[in-house]
Amino acid sequence: MTISAPRAAHRPSRRQAVVDAAMDLFAVQAPDMVTVADIAERAGMTSAAVYYHFASKDQILLEGVQSFGAALIAHAAQAADGLPRGERLGEMLTGVVRWIDQHEAAGKTYFISSVGVNQDVEVVRRQQRTELLDLLSKATRRARGRLAAGEAEVIGVGLLSLLETTVASWLAKDVTYQRLGHRAFLAEVVALADKVTGMAPQ
């Protein structure tokens, strides 16, 4: 009777390591300028190992965008869950900005460097933007109380635009951010959100 050799212990997939390495690179270089070899080197792998997990660099980018966007929506949903009436939505927005700052490389890729790179990424971004818009509109209705659905949706569009602009400015550390500084910048975001939602500070 032949005894088979013991099977090797299961090794977790390195798929996420590839995505993380790629997002680090995409954050500082346009995705078109990054090669699979660059990603492999950053992940401590061979190019063949990267291709074992992904068919192309575009597929890596797409998964990174999908994954970050889903995590962003989940965080925003948690922040909005049970939002009491009268709660200022600007505080919620700045909380989301702080969360994105903790995931800086993925945030820069999602909001800055991958914008318009290819159609598949834009399809995902549009779908996730719609989810965020719905979330912000519902949060507005909870915070404001009795509010027509149409008005809440318009306010949601304003809040989403404010969030996207804020995040791009924050991550790029642009002139506006540098001129105002960290605290004043966030205070201005809260003040603008108050104007958009029609909610004065308590």
N, C-alpha and C. Protein backbone atom coordinates (compact mmCIF):
# COMPACT_ATOMS: atom_id res chain seq x y z
N MET A 1 0.84 -1.19 0.00
CA MET A 1 0.00 0.00 0.00
C MET A 1 0.88 1.24 0.00
N THR A 2 0.60 2.14 -0.91
CA THR A 2 1.39 3.36 -1.02
C THR A 2 0.80 4.44 -0.14
N ILE A 3 1.65 5.07 0.66
CA ILE A 3 1.21 6.17 1.52
C ILE A 3 1.56 7.48 0.84
N SER A 4 0.55 8.28 0.62
CA SER A 4 0.81 9.56 -0.06
C SER A 4 1.50 10.53 0.88
N ALA A 5 2.26 11.40 0.28
CA ALA A 5 2.97 12.43 1.07
C ALA A 5 1.96 13.41 1.65
N PRO A 6 2.27 13.97 2.81
CA PRO A 6 1.34 14.95 3.40
C PRO A 6 1.17 16.16 2.49
N ARG A 7 -0.04 16.69 2.45
CA ARG A 7 -0.32 17.85 1.60
C ARG A 7 0.24 19.11 2.25
N ALA A 8 0.70 19.98 1.41
CA ALA A 8 1.25 21.25 1.92
C ALA A 8 0.14 22.04 2.60
N ALA A 9 0.53 22.77 3.65
CA ALA A 9 -0.45 23.60 4.35
C ALA A 9 -1.01 24.65 3.38
N HIS A 10 -2.29 24.93 3.54
CA HIS A 10 -2.93 25.91 2.65
C HIS A 10 -2.32 27.29 2.87
N ARG A 11 -1.88 27.88 1.79
CA ARG A 11 -1.34 29.24 1.87
C ARG A 11 -2.41 30.22 1.40
N PRO A 12 -2.62 31.28 2.19
CA PRO A 12 -3.64 32.26 1.77
C PRO A 12 -3.26 32.91 0.45
N SER A 13 -4.25 33.25 -0.33
CA SER A 13 -4.01 33.89 -1.62
C SER A 13 -3.28 35.22 -1.43
N ARG A 14 -2.40 35.52 -2.34
CA ARG A 14 -1.68 36.79 -2.28
C ARG A 14 -2.35 37.84 -3.15
N ARG A 15 -3.57 37.57 -3.52
CA ARG A 15 -4.33 38.48 -4.38
C ARG A 15 -4.42 39.87 -3.77
N GLN A 16 -4.76 39.95 -2.47
CA GLN A 16 -4.89 41.25 -1.81
C GLN A 16 -3.56 41.97 -1.74
N ALA A 17 -2.47 41.21 -1.57
CA ALA A 17 -1.14 41.84 -1.54
C ALA A 17 -0.83 42.51 -2.87
N VAL A 18 -1.27 41.90 -3.96
CA VAL A 18 -1.08 42.49 -5.29
C VAL A 18 -1.87 43.78 -5.41
N VAL A 19 -3.13 43.76 -4.98
CA VAL A 19 -3.98 44.95 -5.05
C VAL A 19 -3.38 46.07 -4.21
N ASP A 20 -2.97 45.75 -2.98
CA ASP A 20 -2.41 46.77 -2.08
C ASP A 20 -1.15 47.40 -2.69
N ALA A 21 -0.29 46.56 -3.25
CA ALA A 21 0.94 47.08 -3.87
C ALA A 21 0.61 47.98 -5.05
N ALA A 22 -0.36 47.56 -5.85
CA ALA A 22 -0.74 48.37 -7.01
C ALA A 22 -1.32 49.71 -6.58
N MET A 23 -2.18 49.70 -5.56
CA MET A 23 -2.78 50.95 -5.11
C MET A 23 -1.73 51.91 -4.57
N ASP A 24 -0.72 51.38 -3.91
CA ASP A 24 0.39 52.22 -3.44
C ASP A 24 1.07 52.92 -4.62
N LEU A 25 1.27 52.17 -5.70
CA LEU A 25 1.93 52.74 -6.87
C LEU A 25 1.03 53.69 -7.65
N PHE A 26 -0.24 53.31 -7.81
CA PHE A 26 -1.18 54.15 -8.53
C PHE A 26 -1.42 55.48 -7.82
N ALA A 27 -1.17 55.50 -6.53
CA ALA A 27 -1.38 56.74 -5.76
C ALA A 27 -0.35 57.81 -6.10
N VAL A 28 0.81 57.39 -6.58
CA VAL A 28 1.88 58.35 -6.86
C VAL A 28 2.22 58.46 -8.35
N GLN A 29 1.68 57.53 -9.15
CA GLN A 29 1.91 57.57 -10.59
C GLN A 29 0.59 57.28 -11.30
N ALA A 30 0.41 57.84 -12.46
CA ALA A 30 -0.77 57.51 -13.26
C ALA A 30 -0.75 56.01 -13.55
N PRO A 31 -1.90 55.33 -13.45
CA PRO A 31 -1.93 53.89 -13.71
C PRO A 31 -1.30 53.48 -15.03
N ASP A 32 -1.42 54.32 -16.05
CA ASP A 32 -0.82 54.00 -17.35
C ASP A 32 0.70 53.92 -17.29
N MET A 33 1.29 54.58 -16.29
CA MET A 33 2.75 54.60 -16.17
C MET A 33 3.29 53.44 -15.34
N VAL A 34 2.40 52.72 -14.67
CA VAL A 34 2.81 51.60 -13.81
C VAL A 34 2.73 50.31 -14.59
N THR A 35 3.74 49.46 -14.46
CA THR A 35 3.74 48.18 -15.16
C THR A 35 3.45 47.04 -14.19
N VAL A 36 3.11 45.89 -14.73
CA VAL A 36 2.90 44.70 -13.90
C VAL A 36 4.20 44.35 -13.18
N ALA A 37 5.33 44.55 -13.85
CA ALA A 37 6.62 44.28 -13.21
C ALA A 37 6.82 45.19 -12.00
N ASP A 38 6.40 46.45 -12.11
CA ASP A 38 6.49 47.38 -10.97
C ASP A 38 5.65 46.86 -9.80
N ILE A 39 4.43 46.43 -10.11
CA ILE A 39 3.53 45.92 -9.07
C ILE A 39 4.11 44.67 -8.42
N ALA A 40 4.64 43.79 -9.25
CA ALA A 40 5.24 42.55 -8.73
C ALA A 40 6.40 42.86 -7.79
N GLU A 41 7.25 43.79 -8.20
CA GLU A 41 8.39 44.15 -7.35
C GLU A 41 7.92 44.73 -6.02
N ARG A 42 6.91 45.60 -6.08
CA ARG A 42 6.37 46.21 -4.85
C ARG A 42 5.76 45.16 -3.93
N ALA A 43 5.13 44.14 -4.51
CA ALA A 43 4.49 43.08 -3.72
C ALA A 43 5.46 41.99 -3.30
N GLY A 44 6.71 42.07 -3.78
CA GLY A 44 7.68 41.03 -3.46
C GLY A 44 7.39 39.72 -4.16
N MET A 45 6.89 39.82 -5.38
CA MET A 45 6.50 38.65 -6.16
C MET A 45 7.13 38.73 -7.55
N THR A 46 6.95 37.68 -8.32
CA THR A 46 7.35 37.71 -9.72
C THR A 46 6.16 38.16 -10.56
N SER A 47 6.44 38.63 -11.76
CA SER A 47 5.35 39.00 -12.66
C SER A 47 4.45 37.81 -12.95
N ALA A 48 5.05 36.62 -13.06
CA ALA A 48 4.26 35.42 -13.31
C ALA A 48 3.28 35.16 -12.17
N ALA A 49 3.71 35.42 -10.95
CA ALA A 49 2.84 35.23 -9.80
C ALA A 49 1.67 36.22 -9.83
N VAL A 50 1.95 37.45 -10.26
CA VAL A 50 0.87 38.44 -10.38
C VAL A 50 -0.13 37.99 -11.44
N TYR A 51 0.38 37.51 -12.57
CA TYR A 51 -0.50 37.06 -13.65
C TYR A 51 -1.28 35.80 -13.26
N TYR A 52 -0.81 35.08 -12.26
CA TYR A 52 -1.55 33.92 -11.76
C TYR A 52 -2.87 34.38 -11.14
N HIS A 53 -2.84 35.56 -10.52
CA HIS A 53 -4.02 36.09 -9.84
C HIS A 53 -4.86 37.02 -10.71
N PHE A 54 -4.21 37.73 -11.61
CA PHE A 54 -4.90 38.73 -12.42
C PHE A 54 -4.50 38.62 -13.89
N ALA A 55 -5.46 38.82 -14.78
CA ALA A 55 -5.18 38.73 -16.21
C ALA A 55 -4.43 39.96 -16.72
N SER A 56 -4.61 41.10 -16.04
CA SER A 56 -4.00 42.34 -16.53
C SER A 56 -3.90 43.37 -15.41
N LYS A 57 -3.15 44.41 -15.69
CA LYS A 57 -3.04 45.54 -14.75
C LYS A 57 -4.39 46.23 -14.58
N ASP A 58 -5.16 46.32 -15.65
CA ASP A 58 -6.48 46.95 -15.56
C ASP A 58 -7.40 46.18 -14.61
N GLN A 59 -7.28 44.87 -14.60
CA GLN A 59 -8.10 44.06 -13.68
C GLN A 59 -7.70 44.31 -12.23
N ILE A 60 -6.42 44.51 -11.99
CA ILE A 60 -5.95 44.84 -10.64
C ILE A 60 -6.54 46.18 -10.19
N LEU A 61 -6.46 47.17 -11.07
CA LEU A 61 -7.00 48.49 -10.76
C LEU A 61 -8.50 48.41 -10.49
N LEU A 62 -9.21 47.67 -11.33
CA LEU A 62 -10.66 47.55 -11.17
C LEU A 62 -11.01 46.94 -9.82
N GLU A 63 -10.30 45.89 -9.43
CA GLU A 63 -10.58 45.27 -8.14
C GLU A 63 -10.25 46.22 -6.99
N GLY A 64 -9.17 46.97 -7.14
CA GLY A 64 -8.81 47.93 -6.10
C GLY A 64 -9.86 49.01 -5.93
N VAL A 65 -10.36 49.52 -7.04
CA VAL A 65 -11.41 50.55 -7.00
C VAL A 65 -12.69 49.98 -6.40
N GLN A 66 -13.09 48.78 -6.84
CA GLN A 66 -14.30 48.15 -6.31
C GLN A 66 -14.19 47.94 -4.80
N SER A 67 -13.05 47.42 -4.38
CA SER A 67 -12.86 47.11 -2.97
C SER A 67 -12.86 48.36 -2.09
N PHE A 68 -12.13 49.39 -2.52
CA PHE A 68 -12.09 50.62 -1.73
C PHE A 68 -13.45 51.29 -1.70
N GLY A 69 -14.11 51.36 -2.85
CA GLY A 69 -15.43 51.99 -2.91
C GLY A 69 -16.43 51.29 -2.02
N ALA A 70 -16.39 49.96 -1.99
CA ALA A 70 -17.31 49.20 -1.14
C ALA A 70 -17.04 49.48 0.33
N ALA A 71 -15.76 49.55 0.69
CA ALA A 71 -15.40 49.84 2.09
C ALA A 71 -15.81 51.27 2.47
N LEU A 72 -15.65 52.20 1.55
CA LEU A 72 -16.06 53.59 1.79
C LEU A 72 -17.57 53.68 2.03
N ILE A 73 -18.34 53.01 1.19
CA ILE A 73 -19.79 53.02 1.35
C ILE A 73 -20.19 52.39 2.68
N ALA A 74 -19.55 51.29 3.03
CA ALA A 74 -19.87 50.63 4.30
C ALA A 74 -19.57 51.54 5.49
N HIS A 75 -18.44 52.26 5.41
CA HIS A 75 -18.09 53.18 6.50
C HIS A 75 -19.09 54.33 6.58
N ALA A 76 -19.43 54.90 5.43
CA ALA A 76 -20.39 56.01 5.41
C ALA A 76 -21.76 55.55 5.90
N ALA A 77 -22.16 54.34 5.54
CA ALA A 77 -23.44 53.81 5.98
C ALA A 77 -23.47 53.64 7.49
N GLN A 78 -22.36 53.17 8.04
CA GLN A 78 -22.27 53.01 9.49
C GLN A 78 -22.35 54.36 10.20
N ALA A 79 -21.69 55.37 9.61
CA ALA A 79 -21.72 56.71 10.20
C ALA A 79 -23.11 57.31 10.13
N ALA A 80 -23.85 56.99 9.07
CA ALA A 80 -25.19 57.56 8.88
C ALA A 80 -26.27 56.78 9.62
N ASP A 81 -25.95 55.55 10.01
CA ASP A 81 -26.96 54.68 10.61
C ASP A 81 -27.49 55.29 11.92
N GLY A 82 -28.77 55.43 11.98
CA GLY A 82 -29.38 55.96 13.19
C GLY A 82 -29.06 57.41 13.47
N LEU A 83 -28.70 58.16 12.43
CA LEU A 83 -28.38 59.57 12.60
C LEU A 83 -29.59 60.30 13.21
N PRO A 84 -29.43 60.92 14.37
CA PRO A 84 -30.59 61.55 15.01
C PRO A 84 -31.00 62.84 14.31
N ARG A 85 -32.25 63.21 14.51
CA ARG A 85 -32.75 64.45 13.94
C ARG A 85 -31.96 65.63 14.52
N GLY A 86 -31.59 66.55 13.64
CA GLY A 86 -30.83 67.72 14.07
C GLY A 86 -29.33 67.54 14.02
N GLU A 87 -28.88 66.31 13.75
CA GLU A 87 -27.43 66.07 13.67
C GLU A 87 -26.86 66.75 12.43
N ARG A 88 -25.78 67.46 12.59
CA ARG A 88 -25.16 68.17 11.47
C ARG A 88 -24.43 67.17 10.56
N LEU A 89 -24.80 67.15 9.29
CA LEU A 89 -24.20 66.18 8.37
C LEU A 89 -22.76 66.52 8.03
N GLY A 90 -22.36 67.76 8.25
CA GLY A 90 -20.97 68.13 8.02
C GLY A 90 -20.02 67.33 8.91
N GLU A 91 -20.45 67.05 10.13
CA GLU A 91 -19.62 66.24 11.03
C GLU A 91 -19.47 64.83 10.49
N MET A 92 -20.53 64.31 9.91
CA MET A 92 -20.46 62.99 9.29
C MET A 92 -19.50 63.01 8.11
N LEU A 93 -19.58 64.05 7.27
CA LEU A 93 -18.70 64.14 6.11
C LEU A 93 -17.23 64.21 6.50
N THR A 94 -16.94 65.02 7.50
CA THR A 94 -15.53 65.14 7.91
C THR A 94 -15.04 63.83 8.54
N GLY A 95 -15.94 63.08 9.16
CA GLY A 95 -15.56 61.76 9.66
C GLY A 95 -15.19 60.82 8.53
N VAL A 96 -15.94 60.90 7.43
CA VAL A 96 -15.62 60.09 6.25
C VAL A 96 -14.29 60.52 5.65
N VAL A 97 -14.03 61.82 5.62
CA VAL A 97 -12.75 62.33 5.11
C VAL A 97 -11.60 61.78 5.95
N ARG A 98 -11.76 61.78 7.24
CA ARG A 98 -10.70 61.25 8.12
C ARG A 98 -10.48 59.76 7.88
N TRP A 99 -11.56 59.02 7.63
CA TRP A 99 -11.42 57.59 7.33
C TRP A 99 -10.65 57.40 6.03
N ILE A 100 -10.98 58.18 5.02
CA ILE A 100 -10.28 58.09 3.74
C ILE A 100 -8.80 58.42 3.93
N ASP A 101 -8.49 59.40 4.77
CA ASP A 101 -7.10 59.77 5.03
C ASP A 101 -6.31 58.61 5.62
N GLN A 102 -6.99 57.74 6.37
CA GLN A 102 -6.33 56.56 6.94
C GLN A 102 -6.05 55.51 5.87
N HIS A 103 -6.66 55.65 4.72
CA HIS A 103 -6.46 54.74 3.59
C HIS A 103 -5.99 55.58 2.39
N GLU A 104 -4.94 56.34 2.64
CA GLU A 104 -4.51 57.40 1.72
C GLU A 104 -4.20 56.91 0.31
N ALA A 105 -3.43 55.83 0.20
CA ALA A 105 -3.04 55.37 -1.14
C ALA A 105 -4.26 54.96 -1.95
N ALA A 106 -5.14 54.17 -1.36
CA ALA A 106 -6.35 53.75 -2.07
C ALA A 106 -7.24 54.96 -2.36
N GLY A 107 -7.30 55.89 -1.42
CA GLY A 107 -8.11 57.10 -1.61
C GLY A 107 -7.61 57.94 -2.77
N LYS A 108 -6.30 58.12 -2.84
CA LYS A 108 -5.73 58.90 -3.96
C LYS A 108 -5.99 58.21 -5.30
N THR A 109 -5.87 56.90 -5.31
CA THR A 109 -6.14 56.17 -6.55
C THR A 109 -7.59 56.32 -6.96
N TYR A 110 -8.49 56.18 -5.99
CA TYR A 110 -9.93 56.21 -6.27
C TYR A 110 -10.40 57.60 -6.70
N PHE A 111 -9.98 58.62 -5.98
CA PHE A 111 -10.52 59.96 -6.20
C PHE A 111 -9.68 60.82 -7.16
N ILE A 112 -8.42 60.43 -7.40
CA ILE A 112 -7.56 61.31 -8.21
C ILE A 112 -6.98 60.58 -9.43
N SER A 113 -6.09 59.62 -9.19
CA SER A 113 -5.29 59.12 -10.32
C SER A 113 -6.04 58.19 -11.27
N SER A 114 -7.09 57.52 -10.81
CA SER A 114 -7.78 56.58 -11.70
C SER A 114 -8.98 57.18 -12.41
N VAL A 115 -9.30 58.43 -12.12
CA VAL A 115 -10.49 59.06 -12.72
C VAL A 115 -10.31 59.12 -14.24
N GLY A 116 -11.25 58.53 -14.97
CA GLY A 116 -11.22 58.56 -16.42
C GLY A 116 -10.23 57.62 -17.07
N VAL A 117 -9.63 56.73 -16.29
CA VAL A 117 -8.59 55.84 -16.85
C VAL A 117 -9.18 54.87 -17.87
N ASN A 118 -10.29 54.23 -17.51
CA ASN A 118 -10.95 53.35 -18.47
C ASN A 118 -12.44 53.21 -18.15
N GLN A 119 -13.19 52.67 -19.08
CA GLN A 119 -14.64 52.63 -18.96
C GLN A 119 -15.09 51.72 -17.82
N ASP A 120 -14.42 50.59 -17.62
CA ASP A 120 -14.83 49.66 -16.56
C ASP A 120 -14.73 50.30 -15.18
N VAL A 121 -13.66 51.03 -14.96
CA VAL A 121 -13.49 51.71 -13.67
C VAL A 121 -14.56 52.77 -13.50
N GLU A 122 -14.88 53.49 -14.56
CA GLU A 122 -15.90 54.54 -14.47
C GLU A 122 -17.29 53.96 -14.23
N VAL A 123 -17.57 52.79 -14.77
CA VAL A 123 -18.85 52.14 -14.51
C VAL A 123 -18.99 51.82 -13.03
N VAL A 124 -17.94 51.26 -12.46
CA VAL A 124 -17.94 50.95 -11.02
C VAL A 124 -18.09 52.21 -10.20
N ARG A 125 -17.34 53.24 -10.57
CA ARG A 125 -17.39 54.49 -9.81
C ARG A 125 -18.80 55.11 -9.87
N ARG A 126 -19.44 55.05 -11.03
CA ARG A 126 -20.80 55.60 -11.15
C ARG A 126 -21.78 54.82 -10.29
N GLN A 127 -21.66 53.50 -10.28
CA GLN A 127 -22.54 52.67 -9.46
C GLN A 127 -22.36 53.00 -7.97
N GLN A 128 -21.12 53.12 -7.56
CA GLN A 128 -20.85 53.41 -6.16
C GLN A 128 -21.25 54.84 -5.80
N ARG A 129 -21.10 55.75 -6.74
CA ARG A 129 -21.53 57.13 -6.51
C ARG A 129 -23.04 57.18 -6.29
N THR A 130 -23.78 56.38 -7.05
CA THR A 130 -25.23 56.31 -6.88
C THR A 130 -25.59 55.79 -5.49
N GLU A 131 -24.86 54.80 -5.02
CA GLU A 131 -25.10 54.27 -3.68
C GLU A 131 -24.82 55.32 -2.61
N LEU A 132 -23.72 56.06 -2.78
CA LEU A 132 -23.41 57.13 -1.82
C LEU A 132 -24.46 58.23 -1.84
N LEU A 133 -24.93 58.57 -3.02
CA LEU A 133 -25.96 59.59 -3.15
C LEU A 133 -27.23 59.17 -2.42
N ASP A 134 -27.63 57.93 -2.60
CA ASP A 134 -28.82 57.41 -1.92
C ASP A 134 -28.63 57.45 -0.41
N LEU A 135 -27.44 57.07 0.04
CA LEU A 135 -27.13 57.07 1.47
C LEU A 135 -27.21 58.48 2.05
N LEU A 136 -26.63 59.45 1.35
CA LEU A 136 -26.62 60.83 1.83
C LEU A 136 -28.02 61.45 1.81
N SER A 137 -28.81 61.09 0.80
CA SER A 137 -30.19 61.60 0.73
C SER A 137 -31.01 61.08 1.91
N LYS A 138 -30.86 59.80 2.22
CA LYS A 138 -31.59 59.22 3.34
C LYS A 138 -31.11 59.81 4.66
N ALA A 139 -29.81 60.03 4.79
CA ALA A 139 -29.28 60.63 6.01
C ALA A 139 -29.82 62.05 6.18
N THR A 140 -29.98 62.77 5.07
CA THR A 140 -30.54 64.12 5.11
C THR A 140 -31.98 64.09 5.62
N ARG A 141 -32.76 63.14 5.13
CA ARG A 141 -34.15 63.04 5.56
C ARG A 141 -34.25 62.71 7.05
N ARG A 142 -33.34 61.84 7.53
CA ARG A 142 -33.36 61.51 8.96
C ARG A 142 -32.97 62.72 9.81
N ALA A 143 -31.94 63.44 9.35
CA ALA A 143 -31.45 64.58 10.13
C ALA A 143 -32.42 65.76 10.12
N ARG A 144 -33.05 66.00 8.97
CA ARG A 144 -33.95 67.14 8.83
C ARG A 144 -35.37 66.85 9.30
N GLY A 145 -35.71 65.57 9.39
CA GLY A 145 -37.08 65.23 9.75
C GLY A 145 -37.95 65.22 8.51
N ARG A 146 -39.10 65.88 8.57
CA ARG A 146 -40.04 65.89 7.46
C ARG A 146 -39.44 66.68 6.29
N LEU A 147 -39.19 65.96 5.22
CA LEU A 147 -38.55 66.58 4.05
C LEU A 147 -38.98 65.81 2.82
N ALA A 148 -39.35 66.51 1.77
CA ALA A 148 -39.75 65.85 0.53
C ALA A 148 -38.57 65.06 -0.05
N ALA A 149 -38.90 63.91 -0.64
CA ALA A 149 -37.86 63.04 -1.20
C ALA A 149 -37.01 63.77 -2.24
N GLY A 150 -37.67 64.56 -3.10
CA GLY A 150 -36.94 65.29 -4.14
C GLY A 150 -35.95 66.28 -3.56
N GLU A 151 -36.38 67.01 -2.53
CA GLU A 151 -35.48 67.98 -1.89
C GLU A 151 -34.31 67.28 -1.23
N ALA A 152 -34.58 66.14 -0.60
CA ALA A 152 -33.51 65.38 0.04
C ALA A 152 -32.50 64.89 -0.99
N GLU A 153 -32.96 64.50 -2.17
CA GLU A 153 -32.05 64.04 -3.22
C GLU A 153 -31.18 65.18 -3.75
N VAL A 154 -31.77 66.35 -3.89
CA VAL A 154 -30.98 67.52 -4.34
C VAL A 154 -29.91 67.86 -3.30
N ILE A 155 -30.30 67.85 -2.03
CA ILE A 155 -29.33 68.10 -0.96
C ILE A 155 -28.25 67.01 -0.97
N GLY A 156 -28.67 65.76 -1.22
CA GLY A 156 -27.70 64.65 -1.30
C GLY A 156 -26.68 64.87 -2.39
N VAL A 157 -27.13 65.39 -3.54
CA VAL A 157 -26.19 65.70 -4.64
C VAL A 157 -25.18 66.75 -4.19
N GLY A 158 -25.68 67.78 -3.49
CA GLY A 158 -24.78 68.82 -2.99
C GLY A 158 -23.76 68.28 -2.00
N LEU A 159 -24.22 67.41 -1.11
CA LEU A 159 -23.31 66.82 -0.12
C LEU A 159 -22.28 65.91 -0.77
N LEU A 160 -22.72 65.14 -1.76
CA LEU A 160 -21.79 64.24 -2.45
C LEU A 160 -20.73 65.04 -3.20
N SER A 161 -21.15 66.11 -3.86
CA SER A 161 -20.19 66.96 -4.57
C SER A 161 -19.21 67.60 -3.59
N LEU A 162 -19.73 68.03 -2.44
CA LEU A 162 -18.86 68.61 -1.41
C LEU A 162 -17.86 67.57 -0.90
N LEU A 163 -18.33 66.35 -0.67
CA LEU A 163 -17.44 65.29 -0.20
C LEU A 163 -16.34 65.00 -1.21
N GLU A 164 -16.72 64.84 -2.47
CA GLU A 164 -15.73 64.51 -3.51
C GLU A 164 -14.70 65.63 -3.67
N THR A 165 -15.15 66.87 -3.67
CA THR A 165 -14.24 68.01 -3.80
C THR A 165 -13.33 68.11 -2.59
N THR A 166 -13.91 67.90 -1.42
CA THR A 166 -13.13 67.96 -0.17
C THR A 166 -12.04 66.91 -0.16
N VAL A 167 -12.40 65.69 -0.51
CA VAL A 167 -11.43 64.59 -0.49
C VAL A 167 -10.30 64.83 -1.49
N ALA A 168 -10.64 65.27 -2.69
CA ALA A 168 -9.61 65.54 -3.70
C ALA A 168 -8.65 66.63 -3.21
N SER A 169 -9.19 67.69 -2.62
CA SER A 169 -8.37 68.78 -2.10
C SER A 169 -7.50 68.30 -0.94
N TRP A 170 -8.11 67.53 -0.04
CA TRP A 170 -7.42 67.01 1.15
C TRP A 170 -6.26 66.10 0.76
N LEU A 171 -6.53 65.14 -0.12
CA LEU A 171 -5.51 64.16 -0.49
C LEU A 171 -4.38 64.79 -1.32
N ALA A 172 -4.73 65.75 -2.16
CA ALA A 172 -3.73 66.42 -2.99
C ALA A 172 -2.96 67.48 -2.21
N LYS A 173 -3.50 67.84 -1.01
CA LYS A 173 -2.91 68.94 -0.22
C LYS A 173 -2.72 70.16 -1.12
N ASP A 174 -3.81 70.53 -1.79
CA ASP A 174 -3.74 71.62 -2.75
C ASP A 174 -3.65 72.99 -2.08
N VAL A 175 -3.72 74.03 -2.90
CA VAL A 175 -3.53 75.39 -2.40
C VAL A 175 -4.56 75.76 -1.34
N THR A 176 -5.81 75.39 -1.55
CA THR A 176 -6.86 75.71 -0.59
C THR A 176 -6.58 75.06 0.76
N TYR A 177 -6.23 73.78 0.72
CA TYR A 177 -5.91 73.07 1.96
C TYR A 177 -4.72 73.72 2.67
N GLN A 178 -3.69 74.02 1.91
CA GLN A 178 -2.49 74.60 2.51
C GLN A 178 -2.75 75.99 3.08
N ARG A 179 -3.56 76.77 2.39
CA ARG A 179 -3.86 78.12 2.86
C ARG A 179 -4.67 78.10 4.16
N LEU A 180 -5.64 77.21 4.25
CA LEU A 180 -6.50 77.16 5.43
C LEU A 180 -5.87 76.38 6.59
N GLY A 181 -5.15 75.32 6.27
CA GLY A 181 -4.64 74.45 7.32
C GLY A 181 -5.68 73.41 7.70
N HIS A 182 -5.24 72.38 8.41
CA HIS A 182 -6.05 71.19 8.72
C HIS A 182 -7.38 71.55 9.38
N ARG A 183 -7.34 72.24 10.51
CA ARG A 183 -8.55 72.49 11.29
C ARG A 183 -9.52 73.44 10.59
N ALA A 184 -8.99 74.53 10.06
CA ALA A 184 -9.86 75.51 9.39
C ALA A 184 -10.49 74.91 8.14
N PHE A 185 -9.76 74.05 7.45
CA PHE A 185 -10.28 73.39 6.26
C PHE A 185 -11.50 72.55 6.62
N LEU A 186 -11.39 71.73 7.66
CA LEU A 186 -12.51 70.89 8.08
C LEU A 186 -13.67 71.74 8.59
N ALA A 187 -13.36 72.82 9.27
CA ALA A 187 -14.41 73.71 9.77
C ALA A 187 -15.20 74.32 8.61
N GLU A 188 -14.50 74.68 7.54
CA GLU A 188 -15.18 75.23 6.37
C GLU A 188 -16.07 74.18 5.71
N VAL A 189 -15.63 72.93 5.70
CA VAL A 189 -16.44 71.85 5.13
C VAL A 189 -17.74 71.71 5.92
N VAL A 190 -17.64 71.73 7.24
CA VAL A 190 -18.84 71.63 8.09
C VAL A 190 -19.77 72.81 7.83
N ALA A 191 -19.21 74.01 7.74
CA ALA A 191 -20.01 75.22 7.49
C ALA A 191 -20.73 75.14 6.14
N LEU A 192 -20.02 74.65 5.11
CA LEU A 192 -20.64 74.51 3.79
C LEU A 192 -21.74 73.46 3.82
N ALA A 193 -21.50 72.36 4.55
CA ALA A 193 -22.53 71.32 4.66
C ALA A 193 -23.77 71.87 5.35
N ASP A 194 -23.58 72.74 6.35
CA ASP A 194 -24.72 73.37 7.02
C ASP A 194 -25.55 74.19 6.03
N LYS A 195 -24.85 74.90 5.14
CA LYS A 195 -25.56 75.71 4.15
C LYS A 195 -26.30 74.83 3.14
N VAL A 196 -25.64 73.75 2.70
CA VAL A 196 -26.25 72.86 1.72
C VAL A 196 -27.51 72.19 2.31
N THR A 197 -27.42 71.79 3.57
CA THR A 197 -28.54 71.07 4.19
C THR A 197 -29.57 72.01 4.82
N GLY A 198 -29.21 73.29 4.97
CA GLY A 198 -30.12 74.23 5.62
C GLY A 198 -30.22 74.00 7.10
N MET A 199 -29.14 73.49 7.69
CA MET A 199 -29.15 73.18 9.12
C MET A 199 -28.14 74.07 9.83
N ALA A 200 -28.61 74.99 10.64
CA ALA A 200 -27.72 75.86 11.42
C ALA A 200 -27.17 75.08 12.60
N PRO A 201 -25.94 75.40 13.04
CA PRO A 201 -25.40 74.73 14.22
C PRO A 201 -26.25 74.98 15.45
N GLN A 202 -26.34 73.93 16.29
CA GLN A 202 -27.13 74.05 17.52
C GLN A 202 -26.39 74.86 18.55
